[in-house]
Amino acid sequence: MLTKKTSKNQLTLPKEIVKEFPDICYFEAVVADRKIVLTPVKMKPVDVNLAPIRAKMEKLGISPADVSEAVKWARKRK
């Protein structure tokens, strides 16, 4: 199927393709072998993704204050 790049560097996906992804609003775009490859992405709330990380931090005894201190240490100029 043919699509055209606009003056604002945007592409419009043909209806035949979009109907295959009814619940998808976002696609990850990468270049592979001089081709543009779009992969559908379902966005999740940030809290959903962080729950396992927070549970592991608690299990390891790492507090939010520990994280803040680690960030300050990492950002120090040498």
Protein backbone atom coordinates (compact mmCIF):
# COMPACT_ATOMS: atom_id res chain seq x y z
CA MET A 1 0.00 0.00 0.00
CA LEU A 2 1.21 3.43 -0.85
CA THR A 3 1.54 6.23 1.70
CA LYS A 4 2.99 9.72 1.41
CA LYS A 5 5.20 11.76 3.73
CA THR A 6 3.72 15.22 4.36
CA SER A 7 5.61 18.51 4.55
CA LYS A 8 5.58 18.05 8.35
CA ASN A 9 7.28 14.62 8.04
CA GLN A 10 4.11 12.74 8.98
CA LEU A 11 2.79 9.51 7.48
CA THR A 12 -0.84 8.50 7.29
CA LEU A 13 -1.47 4.79 7.71
CA PRO A 14 -3.97 3.33 5.24
CA LYS A 15 -7.35 2.22 6.65
CA GLU A 16 -6.63 -1.39 5.68
CA ILE A 17 -3.62 -1.43 8.00
CA VAL A 18 -5.17 0.57 10.86
CA LYS A 19 -8.19 -1.74 11.07
CA GLU A 20 -5.81 -4.58 12.01
CA PHE A 21 -4.87 -2.65 15.18
CA PRO A 22 -8.16 -1.22 16.52
CA ASP A 23 -6.97 -0.59 20.10
CA ILE A 24 -3.49 0.68 19.27
CA CYS A 25 -2.65 4.41 19.24
CA TYR A 26 1.16 4.18 19.46
CA PHE A 27 3.73 2.40 17.34
CA GLU A 28 7.47 2.09 17.90
CA ALA A 29 9.33 3.01 14.74
CA VAL A 30 12.78 1.67 13.86
CA VAL A 31 14.87 1.51 10.71
CA ALA A 32 16.04 -1.95 9.67
CA ASP A 33 17.79 -2.57 6.35
CA ARG A 34 16.64 0.82 5.05
CA LYS A 35 13.02 -0.04 5.89
CA ILE A 36 10.73 1.60 8.44
CA VAL A 37 9.34 -1.03 10.79
CA LEU A 38 6.36 -0.15 12.99
CA THR A 39 5.60 -2.26 16.05
CA PRO A 40 2.32 -1.74 17.93
CA VAL A 41 2.76 -0.60 21.54
CA LYS A 42 0.13 -0.72 24.27
CA MET A 43 0.79 2.01 26.81
CA LYS A 44 0.45 1.09 30.47
CA PRO A 45 0.19 3.38 33.49
CA VAL A 46 3.58 4.03 35.08
CA ASP A 47 2.48 2.51 38.40
CA VAL A 48 1.78 -0.82 36.71
CA ASN A 49 5.35 -1.07 35.46
CA LEU A 50 6.95 0.06 38.73
CA ALA A 51 5.11 -2.29 41.09
CA PRO A 52 7.53 -5.24 40.66
CA ILE A 53 10.52 -2.92 41.02
CA ARG A 54 9.15 -1.37 44.20
CA ALA A 55 8.43 -4.84 45.63
CA LYS A 56 12.01 -5.96 44.94
CA MET A 57 13.42 -2.77 46.48
CA GLU A 58 11.37 -3.39 49.62
CA LYS A 59 12.53 -7.01 49.75
CA LEU A 60 16.16 -5.83 49.49
CA GLY A 61 15.63 -3.17 52.15
CA ILE A 62 16.17 -0.24 49.78
CA SER A 63 14.23 2.87 50.78
CA PRO A 64 13.25 5.88 48.65
CA ALA A 65 15.83 7.87 50.64
CA ASP A 66 18.52 5.36 49.57
CA VAL A 67 17.56 5.93 45.95
CA SER A 68 17.71 9.72 46.37
CA GLU A 69 21.18 9.47 47.91
CA ALA A 70 22.35 7.17 45.11
CA VAL A 71 21.12 9.64 42.49
CA LYS A 72 22.89 12.54 44.25
CA TRP A 73 26.09 10.48 44.41
CA ALA A 74 25.86 9.53 40.71
CA ARG A 75 25.28 13.13 39.65
CA LYS A 76 28.23 14.56 41.61
CA ARG A 77 30.83 16.25 39.46
CA LYS A 78 34.27 14.74 39.68
